[in-house]
Amino acid sequence: AIVRETKGELPEIIIEGELDKMIAGFKGDIERMGLKVDEYLKNN
């Protein structure tokens, strides 16, 4: 609710930084499952 009602734009560098963290976390989860990231992405 606070985010929805907050006014103001974010600079691209903050959004890109969050995306980097999300991608890194995603890759880490896939590798901990014993899978290869490239193969997982290709299969999906």
PDB file of all heavy atoms in Angstrom:
ATOM      1  N   ALA A   1       0.823  -1.209   0.000  1.00  0.00           N
ATOM      2  CA  ALA A   1       0.000   0.000   0.000  1.00  0.00           C
ATOM      3  C   ALA A   1       0.859   1.263   0.000  1.00  0.00           C
ATOM      4  O   ALA A   1       0.564   2.229  -0.721  1.00  0.00           O
ATOM      5  CB  ALA A   1      -0.928  -0.002   1.210  1.00  0.00           C
ATOM      6  N   ILE A   2       1.934   1.251   0.781  1.00  0.00           N
ATOM      7  CA  ILE A   2       2.818   2.420   0.823  1.00  0.00           C
ATOM      8  C   ILE A   2       3.499   2.631  -0.523  1.00  0.00           C
ATOM      9  O   ILE A   2       3.571   3.743  -1.040  1.00  0.00           O
ATOM     10  CB  ILE A   2       3.875   2.273   1.939  1.00  0.00           C
ATOM     11  CG1 ILE A   2       3.204   2.234   3.306  1.00  0.00           C
ATOM     12  CG2 ILE A   2       4.875   3.429   1.887  1.00  0.00           C
ATOM     13  CD1 ILE A   2       4.150   1.954   4.460  1.00  0.00           C
ATOM     14  N   VAL A   3       3.997   1.537  -1.111  1.00  0.00           N
ATOM     15  CA  VAL A   3       4.648   1.627  -2.422  1.00  0.00           C
ATOM     16  C   VAL A   3       3.657   2.136  -3.469  1.00  0.00           C
ATOM     17  O   VAL A   3       3.990   2.998  -4.290  1.00  0.00           O
ATOM     18  CB  VAL A   3       5.209   0.250  -2.854  1.00  0.00           C
ATOM     19  CG1 VAL A   3       5.653   0.295  -4.314  1.00  0.00           C
ATOM     20  CG2 VAL A   3       6.380  -0.141  -1.968  1.00  0.00           C
ATOM     21  N   ARG A   4       2.453   1.617  -3.433  1.00  0.00           N
ATOM     22  CA  ARG A   4       1.436   1.988  -4.420  1.00  0.00           C
ATOM     23  C   ARG A   4       1.102   3.479  -4.343  1.00  0.00           C
ATOM     24  O   ARG A   4       0.866   4.124  -5.380  1.00  0.00           O
ATOM     25  CB  ARG A   4       0.180   1.155  -4.189  1.00  0.00           C
ATOM     26  CG  ARG A   4      -0.895   1.314  -5.242  1.00  0.00           C
ATOM     27  CD  ARG A   4      -1.956   0.248  -5.113  1.00  0.00           C
ATOM     28  NE  ARG A   4      -2.544   0.201  -3.785  1.00  0.00           N
ATOM     29  CZ  ARG A   4      -2.392  -0.806  -2.932  1.00  0.00           C
ATOM     30  NH1 ARG A   4      -1.651  -1.849  -3.262  1.00  0.00           N
ATOM     31  NH2 ARG A   4      -2.963  -0.794  -1.739  1.00  0.00           N
ATOM     32  N   GLU A   5       1.098   4.033  -3.147  1.00  0.00           N
ATOM     33  CA  GLU A   5       0.704   5.431  -2.976  1.00  0.00           C
ATOM     34  C   GLU A   5       1.889   6.391  -2.933  1.00  0.00           C
ATOM     35  O   GLU A   5       1.697   7.603  -2.824  1.00  0.00           O
ATOM     36  CB  GLU A   5      -0.126   5.574  -1.706  1.00  0.00           C
ATOM     37  CG  GLU A   5      -1.447   4.809  -1.757  1.00  0.00           C
ATOM     38  CD  GLU A   5      -2.299   5.023  -0.527  1.00  0.00           C
ATOM     39  OE1 GLU A   5      -2.208   6.133   0.053  1.00  0.00           O
ATOM     40  OE2 GLU A   5      -3.050   4.110  -0.136  1.00  0.00           O
ATOM     41  N   THR A   6       3.107   5.866  -3.008  1.00  0.00           N
ATOM     42  CA  THR A   6       4.295   6.722  -3.010  1.00  0.00           C
ATOM     43  C   THR A   6       4.513   7.296  -4.402  1.00  0.00           C
ATOM     44  O   THR A   6       4.490   6.575  -5.392  1.00  0.00           O
ATOM     45  CB  THR A   6       5.536   5.936  -2.570  1.00  0.00           C
ATOM     46  OG1 THR A   6       5.396   5.553  -1.198  1.00  0.00           O
ATOM     47  CG2 THR A   6       6.806   6.786  -2.716  1.00  0.00           C
ATOM     48  N   LYS A   7       4.743   8.605  -4.466  1.00  0.00           N
ATOM     49  CA  LYS A   7       4.979   9.275  -5.743  1.00  0.00           C
ATOM     50  C   LYS A   7       6.470   9.507  -5.932  1.00  0.00           C
ATOM     51  O   LYS A   7       7.173   9.891  -5.001  1.00  0.00           O
ATOM     52  CB  LYS A   7       4.225  10.604  -5.809  1.00  0.00           C
ATOM     53  CG  LYS A   7       2.707  10.449  -5.773  1.00  0.00           C
ATOM     54  CD  LYS A   7       2.016  11.796  -5.841  1.00  0.00           C
ATOM     55  CE  LYS A   7       0.507  11.621  -5.926  1.00  0.00           C
ATOM     56  NZ  LYS A   7      -0.067  10.946  -4.757  1.00  0.00           N
ATOM     57  N   GLY A   8       6.951   9.275  -7.133  1.00  0.00           N
ATOM     58  CA  GLY A   8       8.371   9.481  -7.434  1.00  0.00           C
ATOM     59  C   GLY A   8       8.913   8.388  -8.329  1.00  0.00           C
ATOM     60  O   GLY A   8       8.495   7.227  -8.216  1.00  0.00           O
ATOM     61  N   GLU A   9       9.819   8.766  -9.231  1.00  0.00           N
ATOM     62  CA  GLU A   9      10.406   7.806 -10.159  1.00  0.00           C
ATOM     63  C   GLU A   9      11.769   7.350  -9.679  1.00  0.00           C
ATOM     64  O   GLU A   9      12.510   8.121  -9.054  1.00  0.00           O
ATOM     65  CB  GLU A   9      10.542   8.438 -11.549  1.00  0.00           C
ATOM     66  CG  GLU A   9       9.224   8.684 -12.257  1.00  0.00           C
ATOM     67  CD  GLU A   9       9.442   9.186 -13.672  1.00  0.00           C
ATOM     68  OE1 GLU A   9      10.113  10.216 -13.835  1.00  0.00           O
ATOM     69  OE2 GLU A   9       8.950   8.543 -14.606  1.00  0.00           O
ATOM     70  N   LEU A  10      12.102   6.122 -10.004  1.00  0.00           N
ATOM     71  CA  LEU A  10      13.410   5.582  -9.651  1.00  0.00           C
ATOM     72  C   LEU A  10      14.356   5.709 -10.840  1.00  0.00           C
ATOM     73  O   LEU A  10      13.948   5.507 -11.985  1.00  0.00           O
ATOM     74  CB  LEU A  10      13.313   4.105  -9.278  1.00  0.00           C
ATOM     75  CG  LEU A  10      12.504   3.709  -8.056  1.00  0.00           C
ATOM     76  CD1 LEU A  10      12.757   2.237  -7.742  1.00  0.00           C
ATOM     77  CD2 LEU A  10      12.850   4.557  -6.860  1.00  0.00           C
ATOM     78  N   PRO A  11      15.630   5.995 -10.585  1.00  0.00           N
ATOM     79  CA  PRO A  11      16.609   5.976 -11.673  1.00  0.00           C
ATOM     80  C   PRO A  11      16.850   4.557 -12.157  1.00  0.00           C
ATOM     81  O   PRO A  11      16.701   3.592 -11.399  1.00  0.00           O
ATOM     82  CB  PRO A  11      17.871   6.566 -11.027  1.00  0.00           C
ATOM     83  CG  PRO A  11      17.692   6.348  -9.570  1.00  0.00           C
ATOM     84  CD  PRO A  11      16.223   6.417  -9.311  1.00  0.00           C
ATOM     85  N   GLU A  12      17.213   4.435 -13.408  1.00  0.00           N
ATOM     86  CA  GLU A  12      17.416   3.119 -14.009  1.00  0.00           C
ATOM     87  C   GLU A  12      18.437   2.282 -13.246  1.00  0.00           C
ATOM     88  O   GLU A  12      18.312   1.061 -13.155  1.00  0.00           O
ATOM     89  CB  GLU A  12      17.867   3.269 -15.467  1.00  0.00           C
ATOM     90  CG  GLU A  12      16.755   3.656 -16.422  1.00  0.00           C
ATOM     91  CD  GLU A  12      15.680   2.590 -16.505  1.00  0.00           C
ATOM     92  OE1 GLU A  12      16.027   1.394 -16.565  1.00  0.00           O
ATOM     93  OE2 GLU A  12      14.492   2.938 -16.509  1.00  0.00           O
ATOM     94  N   ILE A  13      19.460   2.941 -12.701  1.00  0.00           N
ATOM     95  CA  ILE A  13      20.538   2.190 -12.055  1.00  0.00           C
ATOM     96  C   ILE A  13      20.025   1.406 -10.845  1.00  0.00           C
ATOM     97  O   ILE A  13      20.510   0.300 -10.549  1.00  0.00           O
ATOM     98  CB  ILE A  13      21.692   3.131 -11.644  1.00  0.00           C
ATOM     99  CG1 ILE A  13      22.895   2.295 -11.200  1.00  0.00           C
ATOM    100  CG2 ILE A  13      21.278   4.110 -10.562  1.00  0.00           C
ATOM    101  CD1 ILE A  13      24.160   3.085 -11.025  1.00  0.00           C
ATOM    102  N   ILE A  14      19.019   1.929 -10.135  1.00  0.00           N
ATOM    103  CA  ILE A  14      18.460   1.215  -8.990  1.00  0.00           C
ATOM    104  C   ILE A  14      17.659   0.006  -9.468  1.00  0.00           C
ATOM    105  O   ILE A  14      17.780  -1.102  -8.920  1.00  0.00           O
ATOM    106  CB  ILE A  14      17.581   2.150  -8.140  1.00  0.00           C
ATOM    107  CG1 ILE A  14      18.471   3.158  -7.402  1.00  0.00           C
ATOM    108  CG2 ILE A  14      16.750   1.348  -7.136  1.00  0.00           C
ATOM    109  CD1 ILE A  14      17.713   4.123  -6.518  1.00  0.00           C
ATOM    110  N   ILE A  15      16.856   0.199 -10.515  1.00  0.00           N
ATOM    111  CA  ILE A  15      16.059  -0.911 -11.051  1.00  0.00           C
ATOM    112  C   ILE A  15      16.966  -1.998 -11.605  1.00  0.00           C
ATOM    113  O   ILE A  15      16.767  -3.192 -11.350  1.00  0.00           O
ATOM    114  CB  ILE A  15      15.103  -0.401 -12.147  1.00  0.00           C
ATOM    115  CG1 ILE A  15      14.149   0.657 -11.572  1.00  0.00           C
ATOM    116  CG2 ILE A  15      14.316  -1.562 -12.751  1.00  0.00           C
ATOM    117  CD1 ILE A  15      13.270   1.332 -12.603  1.00  0.00           C
ATOM    118  N   GLU A  16      17.988  -1.582 -12.362  1.00  0.00           N
ATOM    119  CA  GLU A  16      18.918  -2.559 -12.935  1.00  0.00           C
ATOM    120  C   GLU A  16      19.679  -3.296 -11.844  1.00  0.00           C
ATOM    121  O   GLU A  16      19.967  -4.492 -11.955  1.00  0.00           O
ATOM    122  CB  GLU A  16      19.897  -1.859 -13.883  1.00  0.00           C
ATOM    123  CG  GLU A  16      19.269  -1.354 -15.181  1.00  0.00           C
ATOM    124  CD  GLU A  16      18.723  -2.489 -16.032  1.00  0.00           C
ATOM    125  OE1 GLU A  16      19.379  -3.544 -16.119  1.00  0.00           O
ATOM    126  OE2 GLU A  16      17.635  -2.318 -16.617  1.00  0.00           O
ATOM    127  N   GLY A  17      20.009  -2.582 -10.771  1.00  0.00           N
ATOM    128  CA  GLY A  17      20.706  -3.218  -9.654  1.00  0.00           C
ATOM    129  C   GLY A  17      19.851  -4.286  -8.989  1.00  0.00           C
ATOM    130  O   GLY A  17      20.347  -5.362  -8.632  1.00  0.00           O
ATOM    131  N   GLU A  18      18.564  -3.997  -8.816  1.00  0.00           N
ATOM    132  CA  GLU A  18      17.654  -4.990  -8.247  1.00  0.00           C
ATOM    133  C   GLU A  18      17.502  -6.184  -9.173  1.00  0.00           C
ATOM    134  O   GLU A  18      17.437  -7.331  -8.721  1.00  0.00           O
ATOM    135  CB  GLU A  18      16.283  -4.354  -7.965  1.00  0.00           C
ATOM    136  CG  GLU A  18      16.267  -3.380  -6.804  1.00  0.00           C
ATOM    137  CD  GLU A  18      16.620  -4.031  -5.486  1.00  0.00           C
ATOM    138  OE1 GLU A  18      16.269  -5.212  -5.289  1.00  0.00           O
ATOM    139  OE2 GLU A  18      17.262  -3.364  -4.655  1.00  0.00           O
ATOM    140  N   LEU A  19      17.428  -5.924 -10.489  1.00  0.00           N
ATOM    141  CA  LEU A  19      17.337  -7.022 -11.452  1.00  0.00           C
ATOM    142  C   LEU A  19      18.579  -7.908 -11.390  1.00  0.00           C
ATOM    143  O   LEU A  19      18.479  -9.137 -11.474  1.00  0.00           O
ATOM    144  CB  LEU A  19      17.157  -6.465 -12.872  1.00  0.00           C
ATOM    145  CG  LEU A  19      15.737  -6.027 -13.236  1.00  0.00           C
ATOM    146  CD1 LEU A  19      15.735  -5.259 -14.550  1.00  0.00           C
ATOM    147  CD2 LEU A  19      14.805  -7.231 -13.327  1.00  0.00           C
ATOM    148  N   ASP A  20      19.742  -7.281 -11.227  1.00  0.00           N
ATOM    149  CA  ASP A  20      20.981  -8.063 -11.103  1.00  0.00           C
ATOM    150  C   ASP A  20      20.912  -8.998  -9.898  1.00  0.00           C
ATOM    151  O   ASP A  20      21.327 -10.168  -9.971  1.00  0.00           O
ATOM    152  CB  ASP A  20      22.185  -7.120 -10.964  1.00  0.00           C
ATOM    153  CG  ASP A  20      22.515  -6.381 -12.256  1.00  0.00           C
ATOM    154  OD1 ASP A  20      22.059  -6.825 -13.329  1.00  0.00           O
ATOM    155  OD2 ASP A  20      23.220  -5.361 -12.190  1.00  0.00           O
ATOM    156  N   LYS A  21      20.391  -8.490  -8.778  1.00  0.00           N
ATOM    157  CA  LYS A  21      20.274  -9.310  -7.570  1.00  0.00           C
ATOM    158  C   LYS A  21      19.297 -10.467  -7.798  1.00  0.00           C
ATOM    159  O   LYS A  21      19.554 -11.602  -7.376  1.00  0.00           O
ATOM    160  CB  LYS A  21      19.774  -8.452  -6.398  1.00  0.00           C
ATOM    161  CG  LYS A  21      20.746  -7.396  -5.915  1.00  0.00           C
ATOM    162  CD  LYS A  21      20.111  -6.589  -4.807  1.00  0.00           C
ATOM    163  CE  LYS A  21      20.956  -5.374  -4.422  1.00  0.00           C
ATOM    164  NZ  LYS A  21      20.260  -4.539  -3.434  1.00  0.00           N
ATOM    165  N   MET A  22      18.186 -10.175  -8.463  1.00  0.00           N
ATOM    166  CA  MET A  22      17.179 -11.206  -8.706  1.00  0.00           C
ATOM    167  C   MET A  22      17.712 -12.291  -9.628  1.00  0.00           C
ATOM    168  O   MET A  22      17.483 -13.485  -9.400  1.00  0.00           O
ATOM    169  CB  MET A  22      15.922 -10.563  -9.298  1.00  0.00           C
ATOM    170  CG  MET A  22      15.193  -9.653  -8.325  1.00  0.00           C
ATOM    171  SD  MET A  22      13.880  -8.654  -9.102  1.00  0.00           S
ATOM    172  CE  MET A  22      12.662  -9.946  -9.466  1.00  0.00           C
ATOM    173  N   ILE A  23      18.434 -11.882 -10.681  1.00  0.00           N
ATOM    174  CA  ILE A  23      19.009 -12.857 -11.607  1.00  0.00           C
ATOM    175  C   ILE A  23      20.063 -13.704 -10.902  1.00  0.00           C
ATOM    176  O   ILE A  23      20.121 -14.925 -11.084  1.00  0.00           O
ATOM    177  CB  ILE A  23      19.621 -12.153 -12.835  1.00  0.00           C
ATOM    178  CG1 ILE A  23      18.520 -11.468 -13.668  1.00  0.00           C
ATOM    179  CG2 ILE A  23      20.399 -13.140 -13.689  1.00  0.00           C
ATOM    180  CD1 ILE A  23      17.520 -12.415 -14.286  1.00  0.00           C
ATOM    181  N   ALA A  24      20.901 -13.052 -10.075  1.00  0.00           N
ATOM    182  CA  ALA A  24      21.939 -13.786  -9.335  1.00  0.00           C
ATOM    183  C   ALA A  24      21.306 -14.798  -8.381  1.00  0.00           C
ATOM    184  O   ALA A  24      21.762 -15.936  -8.263  1.00  0.00           O
ATOM    185  CB  ALA A  24      22.828 -12.810  -8.571  1.00  0.00           C
ATOM    186  N   GLY A  25      20.230 -14.398  -7.708  1.00  0.00           N
ATOM    187  CA  GLY A  25      19.536 -15.309  -6.801  1.00  0.00           C
ATOM    188  C   GLY A  25      18.900 -16.472  -7.542  1.00  0.00           C
ATOM    189  O   GLY A  25      18.951 -17.619  -7.083  1.00  0.00           O
ATOM    190  N   PHE A  26      18.322 -16.175  -8.702  1.00  0.00           N
ATOM    191  CA  PHE A  26      17.711 -17.209  -9.533  1.00  0.00           C
ATOM    192  C   PHE A  26      18.756 -18.242  -9.973  1.00  0.00           C
ATOM    193  O   PHE A  26      18.540 -19.453  -9.868  1.00  0.00           O
ATOM    194  CB  PHE A  26      17.059 -16.554 -10.752  1.00  0.00           C
ATOM    195  CG  PHE A  26      16.761 -17.485 -11.885  1.00  0.00           C
ATOM    196  CD1 PHE A  26      15.689 -18.360 -11.818  1.00  0.00           C
ATOM    197  CD2 PHE A  26      17.551 -17.493 -13.024  1.00  0.00           C
ATOM    198  CE1 PHE A  26      15.415 -19.232 -12.865  1.00  0.00           C
ATOM    199  CE2 PHE A  26      17.285 -18.352 -14.069  1.00  0.00           C
ATOM    200  CZ  PHE A  26      16.210 -19.228 -13.995  1.00  0.00           C
ATOM    201  N   LYS A  27      19.899 -17.750 -10.434  1.00  0.00           N
ATOM    202  CA  LYS A  27      20.966 -18.654 -10.874  1.00  0.00           C
ATOM    203  C   LYS A  27      21.470 -19.507  -9.716  1.00  0.00           C
ATOM    204  O   LYS A  27      21.738 -20.702  -9.873  1.00  0.00           O
ATOM    205  CB  LYS A  27      22.114 -17.853 -11.491  1.00  0.00           C
ATOM    206  CG  LYS A  27      21.781 -17.240 -12.844  1.00  0.00           C
ATOM    207  CD  LYS A  27      22.977 -16.498 -13.422  1.00  0.00           C
ATOM    208  CE  LYS A  27      22.681 -15.956 -14.814  1.00  0.00           C
ATOM    209  NZ  LYS A  27      23.838 -15.212 -15.385  1.00  0.00           N
ATOM    210  N   GLY A  28      21.616 -18.869  -8.546  1.00  0.00           N
ATOM    211  CA  GLY A  28      22.070 -19.621  -7.379  1.00  0.00           C
ATOM    212  C   GLY A  28      21.102 -20.735  -6.995  1.00  0.00           C
ATOM    213  O   GLY A  28      21.522 -21.843  -6.660  1.00  0.00           O
ATOM    214  N   ASP A  29      19.794 -20.442  -7.063  1.00  0.00           N
ATOM    215  CA  ASP A  29      18.781 -21.457  -6.734  1.00  0.00           C
ATOM    216  C   ASP A  29      18.849 -22.633  -7.710  1.00  0.00           C
ATOM    217  O   ASP A  29      18.753 -23.797  -7.295  1.00  0.00           O
ATOM    218  CB  ASP A  29      17.385 -20.837  -6.783  1.00  0.00           C
ATOM    219  CG  ASP A  29      17.150 -19.845  -5.656  1.00  0.00           C
ATOM    220  OD1 ASP A  29      17.896 -19.902  -4.657  1.00  0.00           O
ATOM    221  OD2 ASP A  29      16.229 -19.017  -5.773  1.00  0.00           O
ATOM    222  N   ILE A  30      19.007 -22.315  -8.990  1.00  0.00           N
ATOM    223  CA  ILE A  30      19.065 -23.371 -10.010  1.00  0.00           C
ATOM    224  C   ILE A  30      20.295 -24.263  -9.795  1.00  0.00           C
ATOM    225  O   ILE A  30      20.217 -25.491  -9.852  1.00  0.00           O
ATOM    226  CB  ILE A  30      19.111 -22.764 -11.428  1.00  0.00           C
ATOM    227  CG1 ILE A  30      17.819 -21.988 -11.713  1.00  0.00           C
ATOM    228  CG2 ILE A  30      19.308 -23.851 -12.486  1.00  0.00           C
ATOM    229  CD1 ILE A  30      16.567 -22.814 -11.648  1.00  0.00           C
ATOM    230  N   GLU A  31      21.432 -23.639  -9.518  1.00  0.00           N
ATOM    231  CA  GLU A  31      22.671 -24.396  -9.325  1.00  0.00           C
ATOM    232  C   GLU A  31      22.620 -25.244  -8.065  1.00  0.00           C
ATOM    233  O   GLU A  31      23.172 -26.350  -8.026  1.00  0.00           O
ATOM    234  CB  GLU A  31      23.860 -23.431  -9.289  1.00  0.00           C
ATOM    235  CG  GLU A  31      24.161 -22.805 -10.652  1.00  0.00           C
ATOM    236  CD  GLU A  31      25.162 -21.673 -10.575  1.00  0.00           C
ATOM    237  OE1 GLU A  31      25.529 -21.286  -9.441  1.00  0.00           O
ATOM    238  OE2 GLU A  31      25.564 -21.164 -11.641  1.00  0.00           O
ATOM    239  N   ARG A  32      21.946 -24.751  -7.013  1.00  0.00           N
ATOM    240  CA  ARG A  32      21.817 -25.537  -5.779  1.00  0.00           C
ATOM    241  C   ARG A  32      20.937 -26.766  -5.991  1.00  0.00           C
ATOM    242  O   ARG A  32      21.027 -27.737  -5.239  1.00  0.00           O
ATOM    243  CB  ARG A  32      21.253 -24.661  -4.652  1.00  0.00           C
ATOM    244  CG  ARG A  32      22.305 -23.801  -3.971  1.00  0.00           C
ATOM    245  CD  ARG A  32      21.758 -23.134  -2.731  1.00  0.00           C
ATOM    246  NE  ARG A  32      20.808 -22.096  -3.045  1.00  0.00           N
ATOM    247  CZ  ARG A  32      21.139 -20.840  -3.317  1.00  0.00           C
ATOM    248  NH1 ARG A  32      22.420 -20.480  -3.315  1.00  0.00           N
ATOM    249  NH2 ARG A  32      20.218 -19.942  -3.594  1.00  0.00           N
ATOM    250  N   MET A  33      20.112 -26.720  -7.018  1.00  0.00           N
ATOM    251  CA  MET A  33      19.286 -27.878  -7.367  1.00  0.00           C
ATOM    252  C   MET A  33      20.067 -28.886  -8.200  1.00  0.00           C
ATOM    253  O   MET A  33      19.556 -29.932  -8.584  1.00  0.00           O
ATOM    254  CB  MET A  33      18.057 -27.414  -8.154  1.00  0.00           C
ATOM    255  CG  MET A  33      17.071 -26.603  -7.318  1.00  0.00           C
ATOM    256  SD  MET A  33      15.825 -25.742  -8.336  1.00  0.00           S
ATOM    257  CE  MET A  33      15.064 -27.129  -9.199  1.00  0.00           C
ATOM    258  N   GLY A  34      21.345 -28.546  -8.483  1.00  0.00           N
ATOM    259  CA  GLY A  34      22.179 -29.437  -9.264  1.00  0.00           C
ATOM    260  C   GLY A  34      21.959 -29.324 -10.757  1.00  0.00           C
ATOM    261  O   GLY A  34      22.349 -30.217 -11.521  1.00  0.00           O
ATOM    262  N   LEU A  35      21.348 -28.226 -11.184  1.00  0.00           N
ATOM    263  CA  LEU A  35      21.064 -28.027 -12.606  1.00  0.00           C
ATOM    264  C   LEU A  35      21.971 -26.952 -13.183  1.00  0.00           C
ATOM    265  O   LEU A  35      22.542 -26.126 -12.455  1.00  0.00           O
ATOM    266  CB  LEU A  35      19.596 -27.613 -12.796  1.00  0.00           C
ATOM    267  CG  LEU A  35      18.540 -28.569 -12.224  1.00  0.00           C
ATOM    268  CD1 LEU A  35      17.151 -27.959 -12.368  1.00  0.00           C
ATOM    269  CD2 LEU A  35      18.602 -29.914 -12.944  1.00  0.00           C
ATOM    270  N   LYS A  36      22.108 -26.940 -14.503  1.00  0.00           N
ATOM    271  CA  LYS A  36      22.865 -25.911 -15.186  1.00  0.00           C
ATOM    272  C   LYS A  36      21.907 -24.823 -15.659  1.00  0.00           C
ATOM    273  O   LYS A  36      20.861 -25.123 -16.250  1.00  0.00           O
ATOM    274  CB  LYS A  36      23.623 -26.511 -16.380  1.00  0.00           C
ATOM    275  CG  LYS A  36      24.734 -27.474 -15.965  1.00  0.00           C
ATOM    276  CD  LYS A  36      25.512 -27.970 -17.172  1.00  0.00           C
ATOM    277  CE  LYS A  36      26.651 -28.892 -16.745  1.00  0.00           C
ATOM    278  NZ  LYS A  36      27.415 -29.388 -17.910  1.00  0.00           N
ATOM    279  N   VAL A  37      22.273 -23.606 -15.399  1.00  0.00           N
ATOM    280  CA  VAL A  37      21.388 -22.477 -15.688  1.00  0.00           C
ATOM    281  C   VAL A  37      21.021 -22.418 -17.169  1.00  0.00           C
ATOM    282  O   VAL A  37      19.848 -22.268 -17.529  1.00  0.00           O
ATOM    283  CB  VAL A  37      22.024 -21.144 -15.244  1.00  0.00           C
ATOM    284  CG1 VAL A  37      21.149 -19.959 -15.664  1.00  0.00           C
ATOM    285  CG2 VAL A  37      22.239 -21.129 -13.733  1.00  0.00           C
ATOM    286  N   ASP A  38      22.024 -22.542 -18.042  1.00  0.00           N
ATOM    287  CA  ASP A  38      21.770 -22.450 -19.488  1.00  0.00           C
ATOM    288  C   ASP A  38      20.786 -23.526 -19.953  1.00  0.00           C
ATOM    289  O   ASP A  38      19.870 -23.250 -20.742  1.00  0.00           O
ATOM    290  CB  ASP A  38      23.083 -22.564 -20.270  1.00  0.00           C
ATOM    291  CG  ASP A  38      23.974 -21.355 -20.061  1.00  0.00           C
ATOM    292  OD1 ASP A  38      23.451 -20.313 -19.622  1.00  0.00           O
ATOM    293  OD2 ASP A  38      25.188 -21.448 -20.339  1.00  0.00           O
ATOM    294  N   GLU A  39      20.989 -24.739 -19.462  1.00  0.00           N
ATOM    295  CA  GLU A  39      20.101 -25.833 -19.856  1.00  0.00           C
ATOM    296  C   GLU A  39      18.693 -25.620 -19.310  1.00  0.00           C
ATOM    297  O   GLU A  39      17.699 -25.888 -19.999  1.00  0.00           O
ATOM    298  CB  GLU A  39      20.662 -27.174 -19.364  1.00  0.00           C
ATOM    299  CG  GLU A  39      21.941 -27.604 -20.075  1.00  0.00           C
ATOM    300  CD  GLU A  39      22.451 -28.946 -19.562  1.00  0.00           C
ATOM    301  OE1 GLU A  39      21.760 -29.542 -18.701  1.00  0.00           O
ATOM    302  OE2 GLU A  39      23.512 -29.391 -20.023  1.00  0.00           O
ATOM    303  N   TYR A  40      18.593 -25.143 -18.086  1.00  0.00           N
ATOM    304  CA  TYR A  40      17.284 -24.887 -17.481  1.00  0.00           C
ATOM    305  C   TYR A  40      16.517 -23.850 -18.287  1.00  0.00           C
ATOM    306  O   TYR A  40      15.319 -24.021 -18.572  1.00  0.00           O
ATOM    307  CB  TYR A  40      17.463 -24.411 -16.045  1.00  0.00           C
ATOM    308  CG  TYR A  40      16.164 -24.107 -15.330  1.00  0.00           C
ATOM    309  CD1 TYR A  40      15.467 -25.113 -14.667  1.00  0.00           C
ATOM    310  CD2 TYR A  40      15.628 -22.818 -15.336  1.00  0.00           C
ATOM    311  CE1 TYR A  40      14.264 -24.843 -14.011  1.00  0.00           C
ATOM    312  CE2 TYR A  40      14.432 -22.543 -14.696  1.00  0.00           C
ATOM    313  CZ  TYR A  40      13.755 -23.551 -14.043  1.00  0.00           C
ATOM    314  OH  TYR A  40      12.561 -23.283 -13.413  1.00  0.00           O
ATOM    315  N   LEU A  41      17.210 -22.751 -18.640  1.00  0.00           N
ATOM    316  CA  LEU A  41      16.565 -21.694 -19.427  1.00  0.00           C
ATOM    317  C   LEU A  41      16.123 -22.210 -20.794  1.00  0.00           C
ATOM    318  O   LEU A  41      15.025 -21.911 -21.260  1.00  0.00           O
ATOM    319  CB  LEU A  41      17.520 -20.507 -19.589  1.00  0.00           C
ATOM    320  CG  LEU A  41      17.797 -19.694 -18.317  1.00  0.00           C
ATOM    321  CD1 LEU A  41      18.919 -18.703 -18.564  1.00  0.00           C
ATOM    322  CD2 LEU A  41      16.538 -18.953 -17.866  1.00  0.00           C
ATOM    323  N   LYS A  42      17.006 -23.004 -21.412  1.00  0.00           N
ATOM    324  CA  LYS A  42      16.694 -23.552 -22.741  1.00  0.00           C
ATOM    325  C   LYS A  42      15.474 -24.457 -22.682  1.00  0.00           C
ATOM    326  O   LYS A  42      14.587 -24.386 -23.553  1.00  0.00           O
ATOM    327  CB  LYS A  42      17.903 -24.314 -23.286  1.00  0.00           C
ATOM    328  CG  LYS A  42      17.724 -24.828 -24.711  1.00  0.00           C
ATOM    329  CD  LYS A  42      18.980 -25.528 -25.206  1.00  0.00           C
ATOM    330  CE  LYS A  42      18.783 -26.051 -26.623  1.00  0.00           C
ATOM    331  NZ  LYS A  42      20.003 -26.749 -27.129  1.00  0.00           N
ATOM    332  N   ASN A  43      15.409 -25.301 -21.672  1.00  0.00           N
ATOM    333  CA  ASN A  43      14.281 -26.222 -21.533  1.00  0.00           C
ATOM    334  C   ASN A  43      12.970 -25.498 -21.267  1.00  0.00           C
ATOM    335  O   ASN A  43      11.886 -26.025 -21.545  1.00  0.00           O
ATOM    336  CB  ASN A  43      14.543 -27.230 -20.413  1.00  0.00           C
ATOM    337  CG  ASN A  43      15.666 -28.191 -20.759  1.00  0.00           C
ATOM    338  OD1 ASN A  43      15.956 -28.434 -21.931  1.00  0.00           O
ATOM    339  ND2 ASN A  43      16.316 -28.734 -19.740  1.00  0.00           N
ATOM    340  N   ASN A  44      13.063 -24.295 -20.706  1.00  0.00           N
ATOM    341  CA  ASN A  44      11.863 -23.519 -20.406  1.00  0.00           C
ATOM    342  C   ASN A  44      11.632 -22.392 -21.417  1.00  0.00           C
ATOM    343  O   ASN A  44      10.784 -21.508 -21.186  1.00  0.00           O
ATOM    344  CB  ASN A  44      11.955 -22.939 -18.992  1.00  0.00           C
ATOM    345  CG  ASN A  44      11.766 -23.987 -17.912  1.00  0.00           C
ATOM    346  OD1 ASN A  44      10.651 -24.292 -17.526  1.00  0.00           O
ATOM    347  ND2 ASN A  44      12.877 -24.562 -17.436  1.00  0.00           N
TER     348      ASN A  44
END
